Amino acid sequence: MSPWTSTLSSLDFALSIAVIFRSRECLFLTSLGFASYSYLFCRPYDNKYAIQQIEEGHKSLLQRTAFSPLGNDSTTGKNLMPLSLDGKTHPRIITLGGDHTIVLPILRSINSVYGPVSVIHFDSHLDTWKPSVFGGAPSDQAAINHGTYFYWASQEGLIKNGSSIHGAIRTTLSSLEDYKNDDESGFQRIEAREIDTIGTDGIIKKIRETVGNRPVYLSIDIDSIDPAFAPATGTPETGGWSTREMRTILRGLDGLHIVSADIVEVAPAYDTNAELTTMAAADVLFEVLSVMAKTPLGKVAV
């Protein structure tokens, strides 16, 4: 058991956990409310089939009956109605992992229940690059990777364009076309250095104004945190946010309709003896769970 998984197993929450085994990488899918375990195995030598398996596994969890009903709105006392297209209450799933490519099959799964959703994406990189720019796309399957998955999600209509936003961006660009393509993919951007001028309150305000009351998917790459605090990741970038700043910003998302989330790109083999990255990821998970648990995924019936 890796340091990442052992830290998570010590958290005292009632969770439904499905583990996706793909070679040496484990992705944990957890939904609030259940106390059960499922295991999904992905083929390590066939990326196309592995992506299909992740989508199908995520859907199998998403289609389960939610642990508890929505209840009433805390302010008005009126009944809450589900935000899903089918009018049912679905579990909310948190995916812990590995390669950020997993977000594409997850968004395909989410789309089957909620339609196009807004996205809050904390990352040092855009991940909306065209395949010809990122990786060169020598094959159709190689065109889908950890730097292009949001490009494909936008092309497939999975993202509600214009109401999605990146945070902690500080990537090196291939050209200004990268930002133009990012705009066309439907994202607004908050650069990491903006925290020096507008602070955490300003960043929270930008995020909330962008996504509004829409259903939103939250994606967190651990490299959004500065490598001084979270070094164990595949593509670290200096100049990021501290763990304290990240946790403050996450708490500022209270009240948003987060339908599901992920925390990815944690690489335990690169961590320090003190397991700094593992601690940071576990604390980020705690904040995401807390925000999701406090806000019912429903709207007041009219």
C-alpha atoms as a PDB file:
ATOM      1  CA  MET A   1       0.000   0.000   0.000  1.00  0.00           C
ATOM      2  CA  SER A   2       1.443   3.367  -1.016  1.00  0.00           C
ATOM      3  CA  PRO A   3       1.790   6.324   1.386  1.00  0.00           C
ATOM      4  CA  TRP A   4      -1.011   8.053  -0.557  1.00  0.00           C
ATOM      5  CA  THR A   5      -3.473   5.213  -0.015  1.00  0.00           C
ATOM      6  CA  SER A   6      -2.454   4.574   3.585  1.00  0.00           C
ATOM      7  CA  THR A   7      -3.057   8.199   4.506  1.00  0.00           C
ATOM      8  CA  LEU A   8      -6.490   8.138   2.893  1.00  0.00           C
ATOM      9  CA  SER A   9      -7.469   4.941   4.646  1.00  0.00           C
ATOM     10  CA  SER A  10      -6.989   6.649   7.995  1.00  0.00           C
ATOM     11  CA  LEU A  11      -9.658   9.274   7.271  1.00  0.00           C
ATOM     12  CA  ASP A  12     -12.833   8.691   9.263  1.00  0.00           C
ATOM     13  CA  PHE A  13     -15.531   9.059   6.610  1.00  0.00           C
ATOM     14  CA  ALA A  14     -18.351   6.852   5.347  1.00  0.00           C
ATOM     15  CA  LEU A  15     -17.368   6.404   1.720  1.00  0.00           C
ATOM     16  CA  SER A  16     -18.115   4.193  -1.255  1.00  0.00           C
ATOM     17  CA  ILE A  17     -14.754   3.364  -2.808  1.00  0.00           C
ATOM     18  CA  ALA A  18     -14.069   1.788  -6.183  1.00  0.00           C
ATOM     19  CA  VAL A  19     -10.449   1.125  -6.978  1.00  0.00           C
ATOM     20  CA  ILE A  20      -9.320   1.157 -10.598  1.00  0.00           C
ATOM     21  CA  PHE A  21      -6.165  -0.907 -11.054  1.00  0.00           C
ATOM     22  CA  ARG A  22      -4.123  -0.004 -14.089  1.00  0.00           C
ATOM     23  CA  SER A  23      -0.593  -1.312 -14.031  1.00  0.00           C
ATOM     24  CA  ARG A  24       0.915   0.325 -10.915  1.00  0.00           C
ATOM     25  CA  GLU A  25      -1.540   3.219 -10.813  1.00  0.00           C
ATOM     26  CA  CYS A  26      -4.580   3.229  -8.540  1.00  0.00           C
ATOM     27  CA  LEU A  27      -7.491   5.607  -8.982  1.00  0.00           C
ATOM     28  CA  PHE A  28      -9.976   5.771  -6.157  1.00  0.00           C
ATOM     29  CA  LEU A  29     -13.584   6.675  -6.931  1.00  0.00           C
ATOM     30  CA  THR A  30     -15.414   7.692  -3.788  1.00  0.00           C
ATOM     31  CA  SER A  31     -19.001   8.800  -3.370  1.00  0.00           C
ATOM     32  CA  LEU A  32     -20.341  10.479  -0.266  1.00  0.00           C
ATOM     33  CA  GLY A  33     -22.716   8.480   1.840  1.00  0.00           C
ATOM     34  CA  PHE A  34     -22.012   4.787   1.311  1.00  0.00           C
ATOM     35  CA  ALA A  35     -19.696   2.444   3.125  1.00  0.00           C
ATOM     36  CA  SER A  36     -18.854  -0.099   0.444  1.00  0.00           C
ATOM     37  CA  TYR A  37     -16.034  -1.016  -1.887  1.00  0.00           C
ATOM     38  CA  SER A  38     -15.892  -1.840  -5.589  1.00  0.00           C
ATOM     39  CA  TYR A  39     -12.906  -2.787  -7.734  1.00  0.00           C
ATOM     40  CA  LEU A  40     -12.505  -1.862 -11.393  1.00  0.00           C
ATOM     41  CA  PHE A  41      -9.582  -3.218 -13.379  1.00  0.00           C
ATOM     42  CA  CYS A  42      -8.189  -1.340 -16.394  1.00  0.00           C
ATOM     43  CA  ARG A  43      -6.049  -2.879 -19.095  1.00  0.00           C
ATOM     44  CA  PRO A  44      -2.523  -1.423 -18.717  1.00  0.00           C
ATOM     45  CA  TYR A  45      -1.566  -1.856 -22.392  1.00  0.00           C
ATOM     46  CA  ASP A  46      -4.642  -0.462 -24.135  1.00  0.00           C
ATOM     47  CA  ASN A  47      -5.345   3.197 -23.360  1.00  0.00           C
ATOM     48  CA  LYS A  48      -8.492   3.326 -25.477  1.00  0.00           C
ATOM     49  CA  TYR A  49     -10.033   0.389 -23.664  1.00  0.00           C
ATOM     50  CA  ALA A  50      -8.834   1.671 -20.269  1.00  0.00           C
ATOM     51  CA  ILE A  51     -10.588   5.001 -20.860  1.00  0.00           C
ATOM     52  CA  GLN A  52     -13.749   3.093 -21.764  1.00  0.00           C
ATOM     53  CA  GLN A  53     -13.462   1.034 -18.572  1.00  0.00           C
ATOM     54  CA  ILE A  54     -13.091   4.177 -16.426  1.00  0.00           C
ATOM     55  CA  GLU A  55     -16.188   5.721 -18.018  1.00  0.00           C
ATOM     56  CA  GLU A  56     -18.238   2.582 -17.500  1.00  0.00           C
ATOM     57  CA  GLY A  57     -16.999   2.138 -13.928  1.00  0.00           C
ATOM     58  CA  HIS A  58     -17.781   5.749 -13.059  1.00  0.00           C
ATOM     59  CA  LYS A  59     -21.263   5.406 -14.548  1.00  0.00           C
ATOM     60  CA  SER A  60     -21.911   2.282 -12.508  1.00  0.00           C
ATOM     61  CA  LEU A  61     -21.296   4.279  -9.327  1.00  0.00           C
ATOM     62  CA  LEU A  62     -23.102   7.378 -10.542  1.00  0.00           C
ATOM     63  CA  GLN A  63     -26.262   5.405 -11.289  1.00  0.00           C
ATOM     64  CA  ARG A  64     -26.513   3.979  -7.774  1.00  0.00           C
ATOM     65  CA  THR A  65     -29.220   5.182  -5.434  1.00  0.00           C
ATOM     66  CA  ALA A  66     -27.981   8.065  -3.289  1.00  0.00           C
ATOM     67  CA  PHE A  67     -27.538   7.314   0.407  1.00  0.00           C
ATOM     68  CA  SER A  68     -29.865  10.076   1.626  1.00  0.00           C
ATOM     69  CA  PRO A  69     -32.653  12.217   0.099  1.00  0.00           C
ATOM     70  CA  LEU A  70     -32.170  15.900  -0.616  1.00  0.00           C
ATOM     71  CA  GLY A  71     -34.581  17.130   2.039  1.00  0.00           C
ATOM     72  CA  ASN A  72     -35.544  20.801   2.290  1.00  0.00           C
ATOM     73  CA  ASP A  73     -33.769  24.062   1.579  1.00  0.00           C
ATOM     74  CA  SER A  74     -32.173  25.378   4.781  1.00  0.00           C
ATOM     75  CA  THR A  75     -33.237  28.966   4.062  1.00  0.00           C
ATOM     76  CA  THR A  76     -36.789  28.686   2.714  1.00  0.00           C
ATOM     77  CA  GLY A  77     -37.762  25.266   4.077  1.00  0.00           C
ATOM     78  CA  LYS A  78     -39.090  24.301   0.639  1.00  0.00           C
ATOM     79  CA  ASN A  79     -38.468  20.944  -0.987  1.00  0.00           C
ATOM     80  CA  LEU A  80     -35.292  20.581  -3.025  1.00  0.00           C
ATOM     81  CA  MET A  81     -35.379  19.118  -6.525  1.00  0.00           C
ATOM     82  CA  PRO A  82     -32.413  17.211  -8.014  1.00  0.00           C
ATOM     83  CA  LEU A  83     -30.251  18.965 -10.610  1.00  0.00           C
ATOM     84  CA  SER A  84     -29.975  15.823 -12.745  1.00  0.00           C
ATOM     85  CA  LEU A  85     -31.660  15.520 -16.130  1.00  0.00           C
ATOM     86  CA  ASP A  86     -33.616  12.447 -15.031  1.00  0.00           C
ATOM     87  CA  GLY A  87     -34.903  14.092 -11.841  1.00  0.00           C
ATOM     88  CA  LYS A  88     -33.211  11.519  -9.603  1.00  0.00           C
ATOM     89  CA  THR A  89     -30.730  12.037  -6.786  1.00  0.00           C
ATOM     90  CA  HIS A  90     -27.355  10.580  -7.736  1.00  0.00           C
ATOM     91  CA  PRO A  91     -24.244   9.985  -5.605  1.00  0.00           C
ATOM     92  CA  ARG A  92     -21.388  12.463  -5.865  1.00  0.00           C
ATOM     93  CA  ILE A  93     -18.081  10.849  -6.719  1.00  0.00           C
ATOM     94  CA  ILE A  94     -14.560  11.943  -5.853  1.00  0.00           C
ATOM     95  CA  THR A  95     -11.807  10.395  -7.966  1.00  0.00           C
ATOM     96  CA  LEU A  96      -8.295  10.160  -6.551  1.00  0.00           C
ATOM     97  CA  GLY A  97      -5.453   9.324  -8.827  1.00  0.00           C
ATOM     98  CA  GLY A  98      -2.992   9.279 -11.196  1.00  0.00           C
ATOM     99  CA  ASP A  99      -2.944  10.661 -14.715  1.00  0.00           C
ATOM    100  CA  HIS A 100      -5.216  13.644 -15.386  1.00  0.00           C
ATOM    101  CA  THR A 101      -6.470  12.024 -18.611  1.00  0.00           C
ATOM    102  CA  ILE A 102      -9.074  10.228 -16.478  1.00  0.00           C
ATOM    103  CA  VAL A 103     -11.155  13.422 -16.416  1.00  0.00           C
ATOM    104  CA  LEU A 104     -12.335  12.889 -20.009  1.00  0.00           C
ATOM    105  CA  PRO A 105     -14.127   9.571 -19.352  1.00  0.00           C
ATOM    106  CA  ILE A 106     -15.398  10.960 -16.037  1.00  0.00           C
ATOM    107  CA  LEU A 107     -16.924  14.002 -17.759  1.00  0.00           C
ATOM    108  CA  ARG A 108     -18.527  11.666 -20.290  1.00  0.00           C
ATOM    109  CA  SER A 109     -20.105   9.837 -17.379  1.00  0.00           C
ATOM    110  CA  ILE A 110     -21.192  13.082 -15.698  1.00  0.00           C
ATOM    111  CA  ASN A 111     -22.721  14.272 -18.981  1.00  0.00           C
ATOM    112  CA  SER A 112     -25.033  11.250 -19.038  1.00  0.00           C
ATOM    113  CA  VAL A 113     -26.683  12.491 -15.824  1.00  0.00           C
ATOM    114  CA  TYR A 114     -26.284  16.295 -15.788  1.00  0.00           C
ATOM    115  CA  GLY A 115     -25.594  17.279 -19.394  1.00  0.00           C
ATOM    116  CA  PRO A 116     -22.859  19.882 -20.017  1.00  0.00           C
ATOM    117  CA  VAL A 117     -21.400  21.176 -16.729  1.00  0.00           C
ATOM    118  CA  SER A 118     -19.198  24.066 -15.662  1.00  0.00           C
ATOM    119  CA  VAL A 119     -15.659  23.152 -14.608  1.00  0.00           C
ATOM    120  CA  ILE A 120     -13.395  24.562 -11.897  1.00  0.00           C
ATOM    121  CA  HIS A 121      -9.881  23.405 -12.727  1.00  0.00           C
ATOM    122  CA  PHE A 122      -6.963  23.994 -10.336  1.00  0.00           C
ATOM    123  CA  ASP A 123      -3.734  23.246 -12.183  1.00  0.00           C
ATOM    124  CA  SER A 124      -0.450  24.865 -13.144  1.00  0.00           C
ATOM    125  CA  HIS A 125      -1.192  23.881 -16.777  1.00  0.00           C
ATOM    126  CA  LEU A 126      -4.065  24.632 -19.149  1.00  0.00           C
ATOM    127  CA  ASP A 127      -4.727  21.054 -20.324  1.00  0.00           C
ATOM    128  CA  THR A 128      -6.739  22.410 -23.259  1.00  0.00           C
ATOM    129  CA  TRP A 129      -3.947  22.068 -25.811  1.00  0.00           C
ATOM    130  CA  LYS A 130      -4.733  20.881 -29.305  1.00  0.00           C
ATOM    131  CA  PRO A 131      -3.309  17.394 -29.872  1.00  0.00           C
ATOM    132  CA  SER A 132      -1.112  18.696 -32.689  1.00  0.00           C
ATOM    133  CA  VAL A 133       0.564  21.029 -30.172  1.00  0.00           C
ATOM    134  CA  PHE A 134       0.791  18.722 -27.135  1.00  0.00           C
ATOM    135  CA  GLY A 135       2.268  15.360 -28.043  1.00  0.00           C
ATOM    136  CA  GLY A 136       2.017  15.745 -31.803  1.00  0.00           C
ATOM    137  CA  ALA A 137      -0.888  13.278 -32.120  1.00  0.00           C
ATOM    138  CA  PRO A 138       0.984  10.473 -33.936  1.00  0.00           C
ATOM    139  CA  SER A 139      -2.186   8.367 -33.548  1.00  0.00           C
ATOM    140  CA  ASP A 140      -5.827   8.898 -32.620  1.00  0.00           C
ATOM    141  CA  GLN A 141      -5.253   7.418 -29.183  1.00  0.00           C
ATOM    142  CA  ALA A 142      -2.059   9.384 -28.542  1.00  0.00           C
ATOM    143  CA  ALA A 143      -4.096  12.537 -29.204  1.00  0.00           C
ATOM    144  CA  ILE A 144      -5.916  11.936 -25.901  1.00  0.00           C
ATOM    145  CA  ASN A 145      -3.527  12.616 -23.040  1.00  0.00           C
ATOM    146  CA  HIS A 146      -3.031  14.580 -19.819  1.00  0.00           C
ATOM    147  CA  GLY A 147      -2.584  17.852 -21.719  1.00  0.00           C
ATOM    148  CA  THR A 148      -5.483  17.576 -24.181  1.00  0.00           C
ATOM    149  CA  TYR A 149      -8.409  16.024 -22.301  1.00  0.00           C
ATOM    150  CA  PHE A 150     -10.230  19.353 -21.754  1.00  0.00           C
ATOM    151  CA  TYR A 151      -9.816  20.153 -25.453  1.00  0.00           C
ATOM    152  CA  TRP A 152     -11.637  16.936 -26.288  1.00  0.00           C
ATOM    153  CA  ALA A 153     -14.224  17.497 -23.539  1.00  0.00           C
ATOM    154  CA  SER A 154     -15.021  20.868 -25.092  1.00  0.00           C
ATOM    155  CA  GLN A 155     -15.172  19.391 -28.599  1.00  0.00           C
ATOM    156  CA  GLU A 156     -17.598  16.722 -27.361  1.00  0.00           C
ATOM    157  CA  GLY A 157     -19.872  19.285 -25.709  1.00  0.00           C
ATOM    158  CA  LEU A 158     -19.261  18.013 -22.183  1.00  0.00           C
ATOM    159  CA  ILE A 159     -18.330  21.462 -20.811  1.00  0.00           C
ATOM    160  CA  LYS A 160     -20.703  24.398 -20.539  1.00  0.00           C
ATOM    161  CA  ASN A 161     -18.424  26.790 -22.367  1.00  0.00           C
ATOM    162  CA  GLY A 162     -17.982  30.295 -20.980  1.00  0.00           C
ATOM    163  CA  SER A 163     -18.733  29.265 -17.408  1.00  0.00           C
ATOM    164  CA  SER A 164     -15.572  27.289 -16.666  1.00  0.00           C
ATOM    165  CA  ILE A 165     -12.350  28.534 -15.101  1.00  0.00           C
ATOM    166  CA  HIS A 166      -8.743  27.549 -14.433  1.00  0.00           C
ATOM    167  CA  GLY A 167      -6.922  28.507 -11.226  1.00  0.00           C
ATOM    168  CA  ALA A 168      -3.199  28.562 -10.312  1.00  0.00           C
ATOM    169  CA  ILE A 169      -2.078  28.697 -13.956  1.00  0.00           C
ATOM    170  CA  ARG A 170       1.643  29.352 -14.486  1.00  0.00           C
ATOM    171  CA  THR A 171       2.516  27.122 -17.412  1.00  0.00           C
ATOM    172  CA  THR A 172       5.068  27.769 -20.131  1.00  0.00           C
ATOM    173  CA  LEU A 173       3.251  28.482 -23.406  1.00  0.00           C
ATOM    174  CA  SER A 174       4.173  27.237 -26.848  1.00  0.00           C
ATOM    175  CA  SER A 175       2.746  30.504 -28.204  1.00  0.00           C
ATOM    176  CA  LEU A 176      -0.092  32.953 -27.578  1.00  0.00           C
ATOM    177  CA  GLU A 177      -2.244  30.568 -29.615  1.00  0.00           C
ATOM    178  CA  ASP A 178      -2.431  28.445 -26.450  1.00  0.00           C
ATOM    179  CA  TYR A 179      -4.523  31.128 -24.727  1.00  0.00           C
ATOM    180  CA  LYS A 180      -6.646  31.632 -27.847  1.00  0.00           C
ATOM    181  CA  ASN A 181      -7.362  27.917 -27.965  1.00  0.00           C
ATOM    182  CA  ASP A 182      -8.110  27.935 -24.238  1.00  0.00           C
ATOM    183  CA  ASP A 183     -10.643  30.730 -24.791  1.00  0.00           C
ATOM    184  CA  GLU A 184     -12.272  28.707 -27.563  1.00  0.00           C
ATOM    185  CA  SER A 185     -12.460  25.722 -25.208  1.00  0.00           C
ATOM    186  CA  GLY A 186     -14.657  27.826 -22.916  1.00  0.00           C
ATOM    187  CA  PHE A 187     -12.323  28.618 -20.021  1.00  0.00           C
ATOM    188  CA  GLN A 188     -11.440  31.761 -18.147  1.00  0.00           C
ATOM    189  CA  ARG A 189      -8.102  31.877 -16.308  1.00  0.00           C
ATOM    190  CA  ILE A 190      -6.704  32.897 -12.949  1.00  0.00           C
ATOM    191  CA  GLU A 191      -2.915  32.941 -12.970  1.00  0.00           C
ATOM    192  CA  ALA A 192      -1.134  31.824  -9.824  1.00  0.00           C
ATOM    193  CA  ARG A 193       0.552  35.208  -9.368  1.00  0.00           C
ATOM    194  CA  GLU A 194      -2.813  37.002  -9.184  1.00  0.00           C
ATOM    195  CA  ILE A 195      -2.983  35.918  -5.564  1.00  0.00           C
ATOM    196  CA  ASP A 196      -0.393  38.638  -4.863  1.00  0.00           C
ATOM    197  CA  THR A 197      -2.738  41.371  -6.083  1.00  0.00           C
ATOM    198  CA  ILE A 198      -6.318  40.215  -5.465  1.00  0.00           C
ATOM    199  CA  GLY A 199      -5.698  37.714  -2.660  1.00  0.00           C
ATOM    200  CA  THR A 200      -7.696  34.587  -1.916  1.00  0.00           C
ATOM    201  CA  ASP A 201     -10.924  36.591  -1.602  1.00  0.00           C
ATOM    202  CA  GLY A 202     -10.506  37.983  -5.114  1.00  0.00           C
ATOM    203  CA  ILE A 203      -9.825  34.529  -6.529  1.00  0.00           C
ATOM    204  CA  ILE A 204     -12.883  33.061  -4.812  1.00  0.00           C
ATOM    205  CA  LYS A 205     -14.991  35.944  -6.149  1.00  0.00           C
ATOM    206  CA  LYS A 206     -13.802  35.314  -9.723  1.00  0.00           C
ATOM    207  CA  ILE A 207     -14.589  31.614  -9.494  1.00  0.00           C
ATOM    208  CA  ARG A 208     -18.052  32.100  -8.034  1.00  0.00           C
ATOM    209  CA  GLU A 209     -18.972  34.775 -10.579  1.00  0.00           C
ATOM    210  CA  THR A 210     -17.871  32.491 -13.420  1.00  0.00           C
ATOM    211  CA  VAL A 211     -19.697  29.278 -12.494  1.00  0.00           C
ATOM    212  CA  GLY A 212     -22.744  30.788 -10.767  1.00  0.00           C
ATOM    213  CA  ASN A 213     -25.406  28.309  -9.641  1.00  0.00           C
ATOM    214  CA  ARG A 214     -24.788  25.803 -12.411  1.00  0.00           C
ATOM    215  CA  PRO A 215     -23.798  22.183 -11.800  1.00  0.00           C
ATOM    216  CA  VAL A 216     -20.006  22.219 -11.588  1.00  0.00           C
ATOM    217  CA  TYR A 217     -17.242  19.633 -11.782  1.00  0.00           C
ATOM    218  CA  LEU A 218     -14.148  20.288  -9.639  1.00  0.00           C
ATOM    219  CA  SER A 219     -10.778  19.034 -10.880  1.00  0.00           C
ATOM    220  CA  ILE A 220      -7.624  19.491  -8.783  1.00  0.00           C
ATOM    221  CA  ASP A 221      -4.143  18.696 -10.031  1.00  0.00           C
ATOM    222  CA  ILE A 222      -1.790  18.532  -7.048  1.00  0.00           C
ATOM    223  CA  ASP A 223       0.722  20.585  -9.049  1.00  0.00           C
ATOM    224  CA  SER A 224      -1.501  23.628  -8.537  1.00  0.00           C
ATOM    225  CA  ILE A 225       0.217  23.711  -5.131  1.00  0.00           C
ATOM    226  CA  ASP A 226       3.808  24.945  -5.122  1.00  0.00           C
ATOM    227  CA  PRO A 227       6.398  22.102  -5.187  1.00  0.00           C
ATOM    228  CA  ALA A 228       7.781  23.418  -1.886  1.00  0.00           C
ATOM    229  CA  PHE A 229       4.592  21.989  -0.360  1.00  0.00           C
ATOM    230  CA  ALA A 230       3.746  19.191  -2.830  1.00  0.00           C
ATOM    231  CA  PRO A 231       6.836  18.015  -4.736  1.00  0.00           C
ATOM    232  CA  ALA A 232       5.612  14.513  -5.629  1.00  0.00           C
ATOM    233  CA  THR A 233       4.035  15.100  -9.020  1.00  0.00           C
ATOM    234  CA  GLY A 234       5.042  14.486 -12.614  1.00  0.00           C
ATOM    235  CA  THR A 235       5.159  18.064 -13.914  1.00  0.00           C
ATOM    236  CA  PRO A 236       5.943  20.466 -11.027  1.00  0.00           C
ATOM    237  CA  GLU A 237       6.010  24.225 -11.653  1.00  0.00           C
ATOM    238  CA  THR A 238       7.448  26.824  -9.269  1.00  0.00           C
ATOM    239  CA  GLY A 239       5.446  29.854  -8.183  1.00  0.00           C
ATOM    240  CA  GLY A 240       2.319  28.017  -7.081  1.00  0.00           C
ATOM    241  CA  TRP A 241      -0.063  28.448  -4.182  1.00  0.00           C
ATOM    242  CA  SER A 242       0.680  27.282  -0.675  1.00  0.00           C
ATOM    243  CA  THR A 243      -1.377  24.551   0.956  1.00  0.00           C
ATOM    244  CA  ARG A 244      -2.941  27.165   3.235  1.00  0.00           C
ATOM    245  CA  GLU A 245      -3.970  29.332   0.263  1.00  0.00           C
ATOM    246  CA  MET A 246      -5.421  26.344  -1.591  1.00  0.00           C
ATOM    247  CA  ARG A 247      -7.436  25.233   1.416  1.00  0.00           C
ATOM    248  CA  THR A 248      -8.768  28.765   1.927  1.00  0.00           C
ATOM    249  CA  ILE A 249      -9.874  28.961  -1.707  1.00  0.00           C
ATOM    250  CA  LEU A 250     -11.561  25.557  -1.527  1.00  0.00           C
ATOM    251  CA  ARG A 251     -13.490  26.627   1.563  1.00  0.00           C
ATOM    252  CA  GLY A 252     -14.640  29.637  -0.428  1.00  0.00           C
ATOM    253  CA  LEU A 253     -16.489  27.309  -2.799  1.00  0.00           C
ATOM    254  CA  ASP A 254     -19.063  26.558  -0.107  1.00  0.00           C
ATOM    255  CA  GLY A 255     -22.571  26.708  -1.582  1.00  0.00           C
ATOM    256  CA  LEU A 256     -21.608  25.769  -5.148  1.00  0.00           C
ATOM    257  CA  HIS A 257     -23.341  22.777  -6.735  1.00  0.00           C
ATOM    258  CA  ILE A 258     -20.339  20.458  -7.086  1.00  0.00           C
ATOM    259  CA  VAL A 259     -21.622  17.309  -8.772  1.00  0.00           C
ATOM    260  CA  SER A 260     -18.326  15.390  -8.570  1.00  0.00           C
ATOM    261  CA  ALA A 261     -14.605  16.040  -8.213  1.00  0.00           C
ATOM    262  CA  ASP A 262     -11.113  14.650  -8.612  1.00  0.00           C
ATOM    263  CA  ILE A 263      -7.677  15.066  -7.033  1.00  0.00           C
ATOM    264  CA  VAL A 264      -4.989  13.768  -9.361  1.00  0.00           C
ATOM    265  CA  GLU A 265      -1.326  13.607 -10.404  1.00  0.00           C
ATOM    266  CA  VAL A 266      -0.110  12.533  -6.951  1.00  0.00           C
ATOM    267  CA  ALA A 267       3.053  10.430  -7.422  1.00  0.00           C
ATOM    268  CA  PRO A 268       4.006   8.816  -4.069  1.00  0.00           C
ATOM    269  CA  ALA A 269       7.330   7.525  -5.431  1.00  0.00           C
ATOM    270  CA  TYR A 270       8.566  11.126  -5.722  1.00  0.00           C
ATOM    271  CA  ASP A 271       7.474  12.205  -2.243  1.00  0.00           C
ATOM    272  CA  THR A 272       9.718  13.215   0.635  1.00  0.00           C
ATOM    273  CA  ASN A 273      10.313  11.061   3.699  1.00  0.00           C
ATOM    274  CA  ALA A 274       7.890  13.356   5.503  1.00  0.00           C
ATOM    275  CA  GLU A 275       5.210  12.586   2.870  1.00  0.00           C
ATOM    276  CA  LEU A 276       4.455  16.277   2.299  1.00  0.00           C
ATOM    277  CA  THR A 277       2.529  15.700  -0.933  1.00  0.00           C
ATOM    278  CA  THR A 278       0.475  12.920   0.583  1.00  0.00           C
ATOM    279  CA  MET A 279      -0.486  15.149   3.499  1.00  0.00           C
ATOM    280  CA  ALA A 280      -1.357  18.013   1.155  1.00  0.00           C
ATOM    281  CA  ALA A 281      -3.539  15.762  -1.022  1.00  0.00           C
ATOM    282  CA  ALA A 282      -5.325  14.254   1.980  1.00  0.00           C
ATOM    283  CA  ASP A 283      -6.044  17.725   3.390  1.00  0.00           C
ATOM    284  CA  VAL A 284      -7.330  18.903   0.003  1.00  0.00           C
ATOM    285  CA  LEU A 285      -9.600  15.847  -0.038  1.00  0.00           C
ATOM    286  CA  PHE A 286     -10.892  16.772   3.417  1.00  0.00           C
ATOM    287  CA  GLU A 287     -11.749  20.300   2.219  1.00  0.00           C
ATOM    288  CA  VAL A 288     -13.520  19.038  -0.902  1.00  0.00           C
ATOM    289  CA  LEU A 289     -15.527  16.493   1.083  1.00  0.00           C
ATOM    290  CA  SER A 290     -16.531  19.154   3.593  1.00  0.00           C
ATOM    291  CA  VAL A 291     -17.727  21.610   0.946  1.00  0.00           C
ATOM    292  CA  MET A 292     -19.697  18.936  -0.884  1.00  0.00           C
ATOM    293  CA  ALA A 293     -21.284  17.568   2.288  1.00  0.00           C
ATOM    294  CA  LYS A 294     -22.460  21.025   3.404  1.00  0.00           C
ATOM    295  CA  THR A 295     -24.287  21.850   0.170  1.00  0.00           C
ATOM    296  CA  PRO A 296     -27.182  19.653  -1.047  1.00  0.00           C
ATOM    297  CA  LEU A 297     -27.142  19.004  -4.777  1.00  0.00           C
ATOM    298  CA  GLY A 298     -30.590  20.431  -5.471  1.00  0.00           C
ATOM    299  CA  LYS A 299     -32.642  23.500  -6.287  1.00  0.00           C
ATOM    300  CA  VAL A 300     -35.776  24.881  -4.659  1.00  0.00           C
ATOM    301  CA  ALA A 301     -38.909  23.566  -6.338  1.00  0.00           C
ATOM    302  CA  VAL A 302     -40.950  26.298  -8.027  1.00  0.00           C
END
